[in-house]
Amino acid sequence: MIKKLLFLDDDRMYFDKIYKQIEDLFEICYVQTVEAAICELKKTFYDIVVIDRHIMKRNGEVEDGLDVAKEIAANPNWYLNPEVFVVSGKRKTKEDKLEAYNVAAKNCFLKPEEDDLFVAVLKQLSPSFDSDTKKALYYYTVEYDVRTHEVKDKGKEVKLSAVQSFVLQELIKYQGYRIPKEKLEKLTFGKKREISDNTISTTICRMRQQIPIIDKNLDSRRFDGYLLRKEEIKKK
């Protein structure tokens, strides 16, 4: 499954340079302000977030791109811990690196001297960069076909609605993390208000009835979100 990458940088020429080298490997969203980046993160799950350290606003003020990383670090259950990378046009110091690591950034790269290294690191994070691209998601006895959205349990087809199929995909993809109920609603229904007989709760309930292993391992006791327990891989 293709990963989603959010790229925050006020320098469009720099973004275009990096984009041309990774455009086939990720689903990329480009923003130019801290506010726009946080807004995007609240709407969509991103697997990777690239942050320019110094963002120049139209009024001449400078924003600190690390504010986005701080927002992610402060709310790990909401954003589900994307991998964060910092890029900077200024000579980085030990202090810069420490600040980046303190907000859980994976690394800090200098423009333009380390562009090749930065691109190489991003490419390694893409499933498409491997010859064995994932075509399905698996969870114990459940198989979810990423292309056709067909679901099988123990080899037998399970007929799910489009909404149920989408929710199942998100639960499997982010197993081990608690997805806030409001976040799952926004991902599933967008800006539309929930219809009384088509709520996330109803969708989850019907899915539980159809797939026993999901019913067994889905934790929703706190009513503040849904956590599909991470699959335990048995050692041979």
Protein backbone atom coordinates (compact mmCIF):
# COMPACT_ATOMS: atom_id res chain seq x y z
CA MET A 1 0.00 0.00 0.00
CA ILE A 2 1.36 3.40 -0.98
CA LYS A 3 2.38 5.57 1.97
CA LYS A 4 1.12 9.12 2.50
CA LEU A 5 3.69 11.87 2.88
CA LEU A 6 3.03 15.42 4.10
CA PHE A 7 5.66 17.95 2.98
CA LEU A 8 5.83 21.35 4.73
CA ASP A 9 8.17 23.86 3.09
CA ASP A 10 7.78 27.46 1.95
CA ASP A 11 10.35 26.96 -0.85
CA ARG A 12 8.43 25.60 -3.83
CA MET A 13 11.59 25.11 -5.91
CA TYR A 14 13.11 22.90 -3.22
CA PHE A 15 9.91 20.86 -2.90
CA ASP A 16 9.73 20.39 -6.70
CA LYS A 17 13.32 19.13 -6.74
CA ILE A 18 12.60 16.47 -4.10
CA TYR A 19 9.15 15.68 -5.51
CA LYS A 20 10.48 14.72 -8.93
CA GLN A 21 12.61 12.01 -7.30
CA ILE A 22 9.89 10.44 -5.14
CA GLU A 23 6.58 11.25 -6.86
CA ASP A 24 5.97 7.61 -7.90
CA LEU A 25 6.71 6.25 -4.45
CA PHE A 26 4.33 8.20 -2.21
CA GLU A 27 0.97 9.94 -2.14
CA ILE A 28 2.26 13.47 -1.45
CA CYS A 29 0.51 16.53 -0.04
CA TYR A 30 2.41 19.84 -0.16
CA VAL A 31 1.68 22.74 2.22
CA GLN A 32 3.49 26.00 2.93
CA THR A 33 2.37 26.99 6.45
CA VAL A 34 2.37 25.39 9.89
CA GLU A 35 -1.38 25.98 10.17
CA ALA A 36 -2.06 24.19 6.88
CA ALA A 37 0.15 21.25 7.94
CA ILE A 38 -1.66 20.77 11.25
CA CYS A 39 -5.02 21.08 9.47
CA GLU A 40 -3.99 18.31 7.04
CA LEU A 41 -2.81 16.07 9.87
CA LYS A 42 -6.18 16.40 11.58
CA LYS A 43 -8.00 15.30 8.41
CA THR A 44 -5.77 12.46 7.20
CA PHE A 45 -3.35 9.87 8.54
CA TYR A 46 0.17 10.48 7.20
CA ASP A 47 2.91 7.88 7.42
CA ILE A 48 5.73 10.40 6.87
CA VAL A 49 5.96 14.13 7.63
CA VAL A 50 8.73 16.34 6.23
CA ILE A 51 9.16 19.69 7.97
CA ASP A 52 11.19 22.72 6.94
CA ARG A 53 12.65 24.20 10.11
CA HIS A 54 12.14 27.85 9.12
CA ILE A 55 8.89 28.84 7.37
CA MET A 56 8.64 32.39 5.99
CA LYS A 57 5.09 33.80 6.12
CA ARG A 58 3.76 36.38 3.66
CA ASN A 59 3.90 39.12 6.31
CA GLY A 60 7.62 38.49 6.78
CA GLU A 61 7.35 36.61 10.06
CA VAL A 62 9.17 33.31 10.49
CA GLU A 63 7.41 30.20 11.80
CA ASP A 64 9.19 27.31 13.45
CA GLY A 65 8.39 24.13 11.55
CA LEU A 66 9.11 22.13 14.70
CA ASP A 67 5.74 23.35 16.00
CA VAL A 68 4.21 20.70 13.75
CA ALA A 69 6.44 18.01 15.22
CA LYS A 70 5.54 19.19 18.73
CA GLU A 71 1.85 18.91 17.89
CA ILE A 72 2.38 15.32 16.67
CA ALA A 73 4.46 14.37 19.72
CA ALA A 74 1.86 15.81 22.09
CA ASN A 75 -0.99 13.83 20.51
CA PRO A 76 0.42 10.42 19.46
CA ASN A 77 -2.95 8.65 19.51
CA TRP A 78 -4.50 11.21 17.17
CA TYR A 79 -1.71 11.25 14.59
CA LEU A 80 -0.54 7.63 15.07
CA ASN A 81 3.17 8.44 15.20
CA PRO A 82 4.21 9.27 11.63
CA GLU A 83 7.93 9.30 10.87
CA VAL A 84 9.07 12.93 11.06
CA PHE A 85 12.05 14.40 9.20
CA VAL A 86 13.36 17.96 9.48
CA VAL A 87 15.09 19.85 6.65
CA SER A 88 16.89 23.15 7.12
CA GLY A 89 18.54 25.69 4.85
CA LYS A 90 20.71 26.94 7.68
CA ARG A 91 23.86 25.24 8.89
CA LYS A 92 22.68 22.73 11.46
CA THR A 93 24.32 22.57 14.85
CA LYS A 94 24.23 20.04 17.67
CA GLU A 95 21.51 22.17 19.24
CA ASP A 96 19.39 21.95 16.06
CA LYS A 97 19.68 18.17 16.05
CA LEU A 98 18.84 17.93 19.74
CA GLU A 99 15.75 20.09 19.24
CA ALA A 100 14.62 17.87 16.36
CA TYR A 101 15.20 14.66 18.35
CA ASN A 102 13.41 16.12 21.38
CA VAL A 103 10.21 16.28 19.33
CA ALA A 104 10.69 12.72 18.06
CA ALA A 105 12.05 13.63 14.61
CA LYS A 106 13.98 10.78 12.96
CA ASN A 107 16.69 13.00 11.49
CA CYS A 108 17.63 16.50 10.36
CA PHE A 109 18.98 17.15 6.84
CA LEU A 110 20.79 20.21 5.50
CA LYS A 111 19.67 21.84 2.23
CA PRO A 112 21.09 21.39 -0.40
CA GLU A 113 24.23 19.53 0.71
CA GLU A 114 22.35 16.50 2.04
CA ASP A 115 19.53 16.34 -0.52
CA ASP A 116 20.78 13.08 -2.05
CA LEU A 117 21.00 11.44 1.36
CA PHE A 118 17.54 12.72 2.28
CA VAL A 119 15.99 11.31 -0.91
CA ALA A 120 17.75 7.97 -0.38
CA VAL A 121 16.30 7.72 3.14
CA LEU A 122 12.79 8.49 1.89
CA LYS A 123 13.05 5.91 -0.89
CA GLN A 124 13.93 3.22 1.62
CA LEU A 125 10.69 3.94 3.47
CA SER A 126 8.51 3.31 0.43
CA PRO A 127 6.95 -0.15 -0.05
CA SER A 128 7.01 0.56 -3.81
CA PHE A 129 10.79 0.81 -3.73
CA ASP A 130 10.89 -2.95 -3.06
CA SER A 131 10.03 -5.46 -5.73
CA ASP A 132 7.67 -7.16 -3.28
CA THR A 133 5.08 -4.40 -2.99
CA LYS A 134 2.27 -5.31 -0.61
CA LYS A 135 -0.91 -6.15 -2.45
CA ALA A 136 -2.80 -7.26 0.64
CA LEU A 137 -3.08 -6.58 4.35
CA TYR A 138 -3.19 -9.55 6.71
CA TYR A 139 -4.45 -9.92 10.26
CA TYR A 140 -4.46 -13.45 11.65
CA THR A 141 -7.06 -15.27 9.48
CA VAL A 142 -8.18 -12.09 7.67
CA GLU A 143 -6.91 -11.08 4.23
CA TYR A 144 -7.73 -7.63 2.82
CA ASP A 145 -7.01 -7.07 -0.89
CA VAL A 146 -5.70 -3.51 -1.26
CA ARG A 147 -6.64 -3.27 -4.95
CA THR A 148 -10.12 -4.82 -5.02
CA HIS A 149 -11.04 -4.21 -1.34
CA GLU A 150 -12.26 -7.79 -1.09
CA VAL A 151 -12.09 -9.38 2.34
CA LYS A 152 -11.57 -13.04 3.22
CA ASP A 153 -11.58 -14.76 6.58
CA LYS A 154 -10.11 -18.27 6.71
CA GLY A 155 -10.16 -18.26 2.91
CA LYS A 156 -13.89 -17.54 2.67
CA GLU A 157 -15.21 -14.27 1.24
CA VAL A 158 -16.75 -11.83 3.72
CA LYS A 159 -19.22 -9.41 2.20
CA LEU A 160 -18.68 -5.95 3.69
CA SER A 161 -20.12 -2.59 2.73
CA ALA A 162 -17.77 0.06 1.33
CA VAL A 163 -17.77 1.83 4.70
CA GLN A 164 -17.07 -1.39 6.62
CA SER A 165 -14.26 -2.25 4.20
CA PHE A 166 -12.62 1.15 4.67
CA VAL A 167 -12.85 0.98 8.47
CA LEU A 168 -11.38 -2.54 8.48
CA GLN A 169 -8.46 -1.33 6.35
CA GLU A 170 -7.69 1.50 8.78
CA LEU A 171 -7.93 -0.79 11.82
CA ILE A 172 -5.55 -3.36 10.33
CA LYS A 173 -3.14 -0.75 9.00
CA TYR A 174 -2.90 0.98 12.39
CA GLN A 175 -3.19 -2.09 14.62
CA GLY A 176 -1.66 -1.49 18.03
CA TYR A 177 -2.73 2.17 18.11
CA ARG A 178 -5.95 3.57 19.49
CA ILE A 179 -7.75 5.54 16.78
CA PRO A 180 -9.94 8.28 18.31
CA LYS A 181 -13.62 7.82 17.43
CA GLU A 182 -13.91 11.36 16.07
CA LYS A 183 -10.86 10.85 13.85
CA LEU A 184 -12.25 7.60 12.42
CA GLU A 185 -15.56 9.34 11.75
CA LYS A 186 -13.84 12.15 9.82
CA LEU A 187 -11.80 9.68 7.78
CA THR A 188 -14.87 7.60 6.96
CA PHE A 189 -17.62 10.16 6.45
CA GLY A 190 -15.60 13.28 5.61
CA LYS A 191 -17.36 16.52 6.44
CA LYS A 192 -20.82 14.93 6.29
CA ARG A 193 -22.71 14.55 9.53
CA GLU A 194 -23.27 11.01 10.66
CA ILE A 195 -26.65 9.50 9.76
CA SER A 196 -28.32 7.96 12.79
CA ASP A 197 -28.37 4.43 11.33
CA ASN A 198 -24.90 4.67 9.76
CA THR A 199 -22.62 5.60 12.66
CA ILE A 200 -19.12 4.31 13.22
CA SER A 201 -20.47 2.39 16.21
CA THR A 202 -23.01 0.60 14.02
CA THR A 203 -20.38 -0.11 11.37
CA ILE A 204 -18.02 -1.61 13.97
CA CYS A 205 -20.83 -3.66 15.53
CA ARG A 206 -21.78 -5.24 12.19
CA MET A 207 -18.14 -5.96 11.39
CA ARG A 208 -17.72 -7.72 14.74
CA GLN A 209 -20.60 -10.00 13.87
CA GLN A 210 -19.07 -10.95 10.53
CA ILE A 211 -15.40 -11.39 11.50
CA PRO A 212 -14.85 -13.23 14.82
CA ILE A 213 -11.11 -12.46 15.12
CA ILE A 214 -11.85 -8.72 14.83
CA ASP A 215 -14.56 -9.05 17.47
CA LYS A 216 -12.10 -10.84 19.75
CA ASN A 217 -9.22 -8.36 19.41
CA LEU A 218 -10.94 -4.98 19.00
CA ASP A 219 -10.87 -2.88 22.17
CA SER A 220 -13.54 -0.20 22.35
CA ARG A 221 -14.39 -0.36 26.04
CA ARG A 222 -13.47 3.24 26.76
CA PHE A 223 -15.76 4.58 24.03
CA ASP A 224 -13.10 7.14 23.11
CA GLY A 225 -11.70 5.21 20.20
CA TYR A 226 -10.88 1.83 18.72
CA LEU A 227 -7.74 -0.23 19.20
CA LEU A 228 -7.17 -3.40 17.23
CA ARG A 229 -4.64 -5.34 19.27
CA LYS A 230 -1.43 -5.92 17.37
CA GLU A 231 -1.10 -9.36 15.85
CA GLU A 232 1.26 -11.57 17.81
CA ILE A 233 3.68 -13.39 15.54
CA LYS A 234 4.40 -16.85 16.92
CA LYS A 235 8.04 -17.84 16.80
CA LYS A 236 8.73 -21.05 14.89
